[in-house]
Amino acid sequence: MTVCVITISDRASRGQYEDRSGPEIVSILREALSDCEIRREVVPDEIQAINDAFDRHTDADFILTTGGTGISSRDVTPEATRSYCERELPGIAEILRAESYRETPTAVLSRGVAGIRGNTIIVNFPGSVKAVRLCTGVLIPIMEHALSMLRGEGH
């Protein structure tokens, strides 16, 4: 399995802020998935920059983003993802929000989406370390099955 973790942050992309959520996702994936190639990238909160990053990793099985899912004017990750994907996977975004809400009521303000482009599943996580720990833990148990289904291998 190949997973690309993309941190979407103006400040982190300029080197003004240390990205902690991207490395946290990588750490959790490495611990949970023994045979997994993991890539990382940091881009600014700009639709074109996000879509360009997606284009660079179209060979990945999963692209997991962190950041840019809130309600500020610079939070454009859901818009970029939605326009890039060919099909949505609303159940993933729904369960991530629902599980996050159990720990943090403000999680309902997250606008993250999930979808498919070609053979790549793209999932938006919020930008906090706490949120990515929870979201990565929720996603890991379904990743292999999702890939099997996407490849037409059935249940």
C-alpha atoms as a PDB file:
ATOM      1  CA  MET A   1       0.000   0.000   0.000  1.00  0.00           C
ATOM      2  CA  THR A   2       1.214   3.486  -0.828  1.00  0.00           C
ATOM      3  CA  VAL A   3       0.013   6.452   1.223  1.00  0.00           C
ATOM      4  CA  CYS A   4       0.834  10.095   0.657  1.00  0.00           C
ATOM      5  CA  VAL A   5       0.310  12.474   3.582  1.00  0.00           C
ATOM      6  CA  ILE A   6      -0.173  16.077   2.505  1.00  0.00           C
ATOM      7  CA  THR A   7      -0.153  18.835   5.097  1.00  0.00           C
ATOM      8  CA  ILE A   8      -2.069  21.880   3.916  1.00  0.00           C
ATOM      9  CA  SER A   9      -0.887  24.965   5.766  1.00  0.00           C
ATOM     10  CA  ASP A  10       0.233  28.410   4.668  1.00  0.00           C
ATOM     11  CA  ARG A  11       2.534  28.812   7.675  1.00  0.00           C
ATOM     12  CA  ALA A  12       4.064  25.322   7.513  1.00  0.00           C
ATOM     13  CA  SER A  13       4.664  25.655   3.762  1.00  0.00           C
ATOM     14  CA  ARG A  14       6.589  28.904   4.423  1.00  0.00           C
ATOM     15  CA  GLY A  15       8.592  27.332   7.263  1.00  0.00           C
ATOM     16  CA  GLN A  16       6.977  29.578   9.887  1.00  0.00           C
ATOM     17  CA  TYR A  17       5.338  26.714  11.730  1.00  0.00           C
ATOM     18  CA  GLU A  18       6.482  23.176  12.429  1.00  0.00           C
ATOM     19  CA  ASP A  19       4.137  20.654  10.877  1.00  0.00           C
ATOM     20  CA  ARG A  20       3.206  18.200  13.631  1.00  0.00           C
ATOM     21  CA  SER A  21       0.044  16.608  12.271  1.00  0.00           C
ATOM     22  CA  GLY A  22       1.632  15.196   9.094  1.00  0.00           C
ATOM     23  CA  PRO A  23       4.451  13.442  10.982  1.00  0.00           C
ATOM     24  CA  GLU A  24       1.898  12.125  13.489  1.00  0.00           C
ATOM     25  CA  ILE A  25      -0.110  10.456  10.726  1.00  0.00           C
ATOM     26  CA  VAL A  26       3.086   8.942   9.306  1.00  0.00           C
ATOM     27  CA  SER A  27       4.080   7.599  12.726  1.00  0.00           C
ATOM     28  CA  ILE A  28       0.699   5.952  13.280  1.00  0.00           C
ATOM     29  CA  LEU A  29       0.662   4.427   9.787  1.00  0.00           C
ATOM     30  CA  ARG A  30       4.182   3.030  10.186  1.00  0.00           C
ATOM     31  CA  GLU A  31       3.242   1.414  13.466  1.00  0.00           C
ATOM     32  CA  ALA A  32      -0.024  -0.071  12.179  1.00  0.00           C
ATOM     33  CA  LEU A  33       0.817  -1.051   8.591  1.00  0.00           C
ATOM     34  CA  SER A  34       3.938  -3.135   8.200  1.00  0.00           C
ATOM     35  CA  ASP A  35       4.164  -3.042   4.408  1.00  0.00           C
ATOM     36  CA  CYS A  36       3.348   0.554   3.567  1.00  0.00           C
ATOM     37  CA  GLU A  37       5.253   3.096   1.486  1.00  0.00           C
ATOM     38  CA  ILE A  38       4.635   6.548   2.927  1.00  0.00           C
ATOM     39  CA  ARG A  39       5.330   9.901   1.303  1.00  0.00           C
ATOM     40  CA  ARG A  40       4.932  13.406   2.748  1.00  0.00           C
ATOM     41  CA  GLU A  41       4.441  16.841   1.335  1.00  0.00           C
ATOM     42  CA  VAL A  42       3.513  20.293   2.657  1.00  0.00           C
ATOM     43  CA  VAL A  43       1.594  22.802   0.516  1.00  0.00           C
ATOM     44  CA  PRO A  44      -0.116  26.157   1.123  1.00  0.00           C
ATOM     45  CA  ASP A  45      -3.869  26.647   1.510  1.00  0.00           C
ATOM     46  CA  GLU A  46      -4.468  27.211  -2.188  1.00  0.00           C
ATOM     47  CA  ILE A  47      -6.707  25.100  -4.400  1.00  0.00           C
ATOM     48  CA  GLN A  48      -4.197  24.961  -7.261  1.00  0.00           C
ATOM     49  CA  ALA A  49      -1.325  23.977  -4.945  1.00  0.00           C
ATOM     50  CA  ILE A  50      -3.469  21.233  -3.396  1.00  0.00           C
ATOM     51  CA  ASN A  51      -4.578  19.891  -6.777  1.00  0.00           C
ATOM     52  CA  ASP A  52      -0.997  19.989  -8.063  1.00  0.00           C
ATOM     53  CA  ALA A  53       0.061  17.912  -5.041  1.00  0.00           C
ATOM     54  CA  PHE A  54      -2.748  15.449  -5.752  1.00  0.00           C
ATOM     55  CA  ASP A  55      -1.496  15.187  -9.353  1.00  0.00           C
ATOM     56  CA  ARG A  56       2.022  14.349  -8.130  1.00  0.00           C
ATOM     57  CA  HIS A  57       0.685  11.363  -6.185  1.00  0.00           C
ATOM     58  CA  THR A  58      -1.916   9.801  -8.473  1.00  0.00           C
ATOM     59  CA  ASP A  59      -0.073   6.505  -8.171  1.00  0.00           C
ATOM     60  CA  ALA A  60      -0.724   6.361  -4.393  1.00  0.00           C
ATOM     61  CA  ASP A  61      -3.475   4.159  -3.012  1.00  0.00           C
ATOM     62  CA  PHE A  62      -4.416   6.808  -0.457  1.00  0.00           C
ATOM     63  CA  ILE A  63      -3.809  10.512  -0.128  1.00  0.00           C
ATOM     64  CA  LEU A  64      -4.471  11.705   3.406  1.00  0.00           C
ATOM     65  CA  THR A  65      -4.587  15.444   3.902  1.00  0.00           C
ATOM     66  CA  THR A  66      -4.326  17.316   7.164  1.00  0.00           C
ATOM     67  CA  GLY A  67      -5.377  20.919   7.562  1.00  0.00           C
ATOM     68  CA  GLY A  68      -7.561  23.377   5.752  1.00  0.00           C
ATOM     69  CA  THR A  69     -10.891  21.774   6.663  1.00  0.00           C
ATOM     70  CA  GLY A  70     -12.219  24.482   8.972  1.00  0.00           C
ATOM     71  CA  ILE A  71     -14.424  27.471   8.330  1.00  0.00           C
ATOM     72  CA  SER A  72     -11.904  30.261   7.828  1.00  0.00           C
ATOM     73  CA  SER A  73     -11.658  31.908   4.425  1.00  0.00           C
ATOM     74  CA  ARG A  74      -8.282  30.209   3.775  1.00  0.00           C
ATOM     75  CA  ASP A  75      -9.640  26.697   4.497  1.00  0.00           C
ATOM     76  CA  VAL A  76     -10.121  25.370   0.963  1.00  0.00           C
ATOM     77  CA  THR A  77      -9.098  21.726   1.286  1.00  0.00           C
ATOM     78  CA  PRO A  78     -12.668  20.360   0.938  1.00  0.00           C
ATOM     79  CA  GLU A  79     -13.298  22.459  -2.173  1.00  0.00           C
ATOM     80  CA  ALA A  80     -10.033  21.302  -3.760  1.00  0.00           C
ATOM     81  CA  THR A  81     -10.716  17.679  -2.903  1.00  0.00           C
ATOM     82  CA  ARG A  82     -14.326  17.728  -4.048  1.00  0.00           C
ATOM     83  CA  SER A  83     -13.424  19.279  -7.406  1.00  0.00           C
ATOM     84  CA  TYR A  84     -10.534  16.837  -7.896  1.00  0.00           C
ATOM     85  CA  CYS A  85     -12.400  13.645  -7.071  1.00  0.00           C
ATOM     86  CA  GLU A  86     -14.587  11.765  -9.535  1.00  0.00           C
ATOM     87  CA  ARG A  87     -16.730  10.192  -6.820  1.00  0.00           C
ATOM     88  CA  GLU A  88     -17.313  11.015  -3.160  1.00  0.00           C
ATOM     89  CA  LEU A  89     -17.113   8.636  -0.206  1.00  0.00           C
ATOM     90  CA  PRO A  90     -19.408  10.463   2.227  1.00  0.00           C
ATOM     91  CA  GLY A  91     -19.458   7.666   4.799  1.00  0.00           C
ATOM     92  CA  ILE A  92     -15.774   8.175   5.591  1.00  0.00           C
ATOM     93  CA  ALA A  93     -16.151  11.911   6.212  1.00  0.00           C
ATOM     94  CA  GLU A  94     -19.308  11.294   8.230  1.00  0.00           C
ATOM     95  CA  ILE A  95     -17.721   8.731  10.564  1.00  0.00           C
ATOM     96  CA  LEU A  96     -14.589  10.859  11.037  1.00  0.00           C
ATOM     97  CA  ARG A  97     -16.738  13.812  12.120  1.00  0.00           C
ATOM     98  CA  ALA A  98     -18.982  11.654  14.314  1.00  0.00           C
ATOM     99  CA  GLU A  99     -16.092   9.965  16.106  1.00  0.00           C
ATOM    100  CA  SER A 100     -14.243  13.269  16.470  1.00  0.00           C
ATOM    101  CA  TYR A 101     -17.345  14.901  17.941  1.00  0.00           C
ATOM    102  CA  ARG A 102     -17.299  12.379  20.794  1.00  0.00           C
ATOM    103  CA  GLU A 103     -14.027  13.924  21.985  1.00  0.00           C
ATOM    104  CA  THR A 104     -14.331  17.471  20.678  1.00  0.00           C
ATOM    105  CA  PRO A 105     -17.771  19.036  20.105  1.00  0.00           C
ATOM    106  CA  THR A 106     -16.302  21.654  17.762  1.00  0.00           C
ATOM    107  CA  ALA A 107     -15.427  18.826  15.341  1.00  0.00           C
ATOM    108  CA  VAL A 108     -18.809  19.460  13.710  1.00  0.00           C
ATOM    109  CA  LEU A 109     -17.182  22.557  12.176  1.00  0.00           C
ATOM    110  CA  SER A 110     -14.794  20.375  10.169  1.00  0.00           C
ATOM    111  CA  ARG A 111     -15.780  20.289   6.506  1.00  0.00           C
ATOM    112  CA  GLY A 112     -13.484  17.462   5.430  1.00  0.00           C
ATOM    113  CA  VAL A 113     -14.557  15.211   2.574  1.00  0.00           C
ATOM    114  CA  ALA A 114     -13.409  11.912   1.111  1.00  0.00           C
ATOM    115  CA  GLY A 115     -13.487  10.718  -2.450  1.00  0.00           C
ATOM    116  CA  ILE A 116     -11.955   8.722  -5.263  1.00  0.00           C
ATOM    117  CA  ARG A 117     -10.012   9.754  -8.317  1.00  0.00           C
ATOM    118  CA  GLY A 118      -8.935   6.879 -10.521  1.00  0.00           C
ATOM    119  CA  ASN A 119      -7.563   4.272  -8.125  1.00  0.00           C
ATOM    120  CA  THR A 120      -6.689   6.733  -5.366  1.00  0.00           C
ATOM    121  CA  ILE A 121      -8.771   7.371  -2.265  1.00  0.00           C
ATOM    122  CA  ILE A 122      -8.398  10.889  -0.876  1.00  0.00           C
ATOM    123  CA  VAL A 123      -9.414  11.654   2.717  1.00  0.00           C
ATOM    124  CA  ASN A 124      -9.312  15.034   4.485  1.00  0.00           C
ATOM    125  CA  PHE A 125      -8.358  15.144   8.165  1.00  0.00           C
ATOM    126  CA  PRO A 126      -8.426  18.263  10.353  1.00  0.00           C
ATOM    127  CA  GLY A 127      -5.097  19.902  11.154  1.00  0.00           C
ATOM    128  CA  SER A 128      -4.653  19.203  14.861  1.00  0.00           C
ATOM    129  CA  VAL A 129      -2.483  16.406  16.214  1.00  0.00           C
ATOM    130  CA  LYS A 130      -5.334  15.191  18.429  1.00  0.00           C
ATOM    131  CA  ALA A 131      -7.700  15.024  15.452  1.00  0.00           C
ATOM    132  CA  VAL A 132      -5.296  13.171  13.175  1.00  0.00           C
ATOM    133  CA  ARG A 133      -4.582  10.572  15.860  1.00  0.00           C
ATOM    134  CA  LEU A 134      -8.268   9.813  16.105  1.00  0.00           C
ATOM    135  CA  CYS A 135      -8.994   9.991  12.375  1.00  0.00           C
ATOM    136  CA  THR A 136      -6.032   7.832  11.380  1.00  0.00           C
ATOM    137  CA  GLY A 137      -7.118   5.241  13.939  1.00  0.00           C
ATOM    138  CA  VAL A 138     -10.636   5.218  12.511  1.00  0.00           C
ATOM    139  CA  LEU A 139      -9.423   4.905   8.906  1.00  0.00           C
ATOM    140  CA  ILE A 140      -6.747   2.216   9.262  1.00  0.00           C
ATOM    141  CA  PRO A 141      -9.155  -0.723   9.826  1.00  0.00           C
ATOM    142  CA  ILE A 142     -10.995  -0.032   6.556  1.00  0.00           C
ATOM    143  CA  MET A 143      -8.063   0.800   4.278  1.00  0.00           C
ATOM    144  CA  GLU A 144      -7.290  -2.690   2.952  1.00  0.00           C
ATOM    145  CA  HIS A 145     -10.966  -3.470   2.387  1.00  0.00           C
ATOM    146  CA  ALA A 146     -11.500  -0.147   0.601  1.00  0.00           C
ATOM    147  CA  LEU A 147      -8.622  -0.893  -1.768  1.00  0.00           C
ATOM    148  CA  SER A 148      -9.938  -4.374  -2.431  1.00  0.00           C
ATOM    149  CA  MET A 149     -13.350  -2.972  -3.294  1.00  0.00           C
ATOM    150  CA  LEU A 150     -11.870  -0.216  -5.474  1.00  0.00           C
ATOM    151  CA  ARG A 151      -9.868  -2.794  -7.414  1.00  0.00           C
ATOM    152  CA  GLY A 152     -13.010  -4.841  -8.024  1.00  0.00           C
ATOM    153  CA  GLU A 153     -11.835  -7.713  -5.849  1.00  0.00           C
ATOM    154  CA  GLY A 154     -15.100  -7.777  -3.892  1.00  0.00           C
ATOM    155  CA  HIS A 155     -15.763  -8.270  -0.239  1.00  0.00           C
END
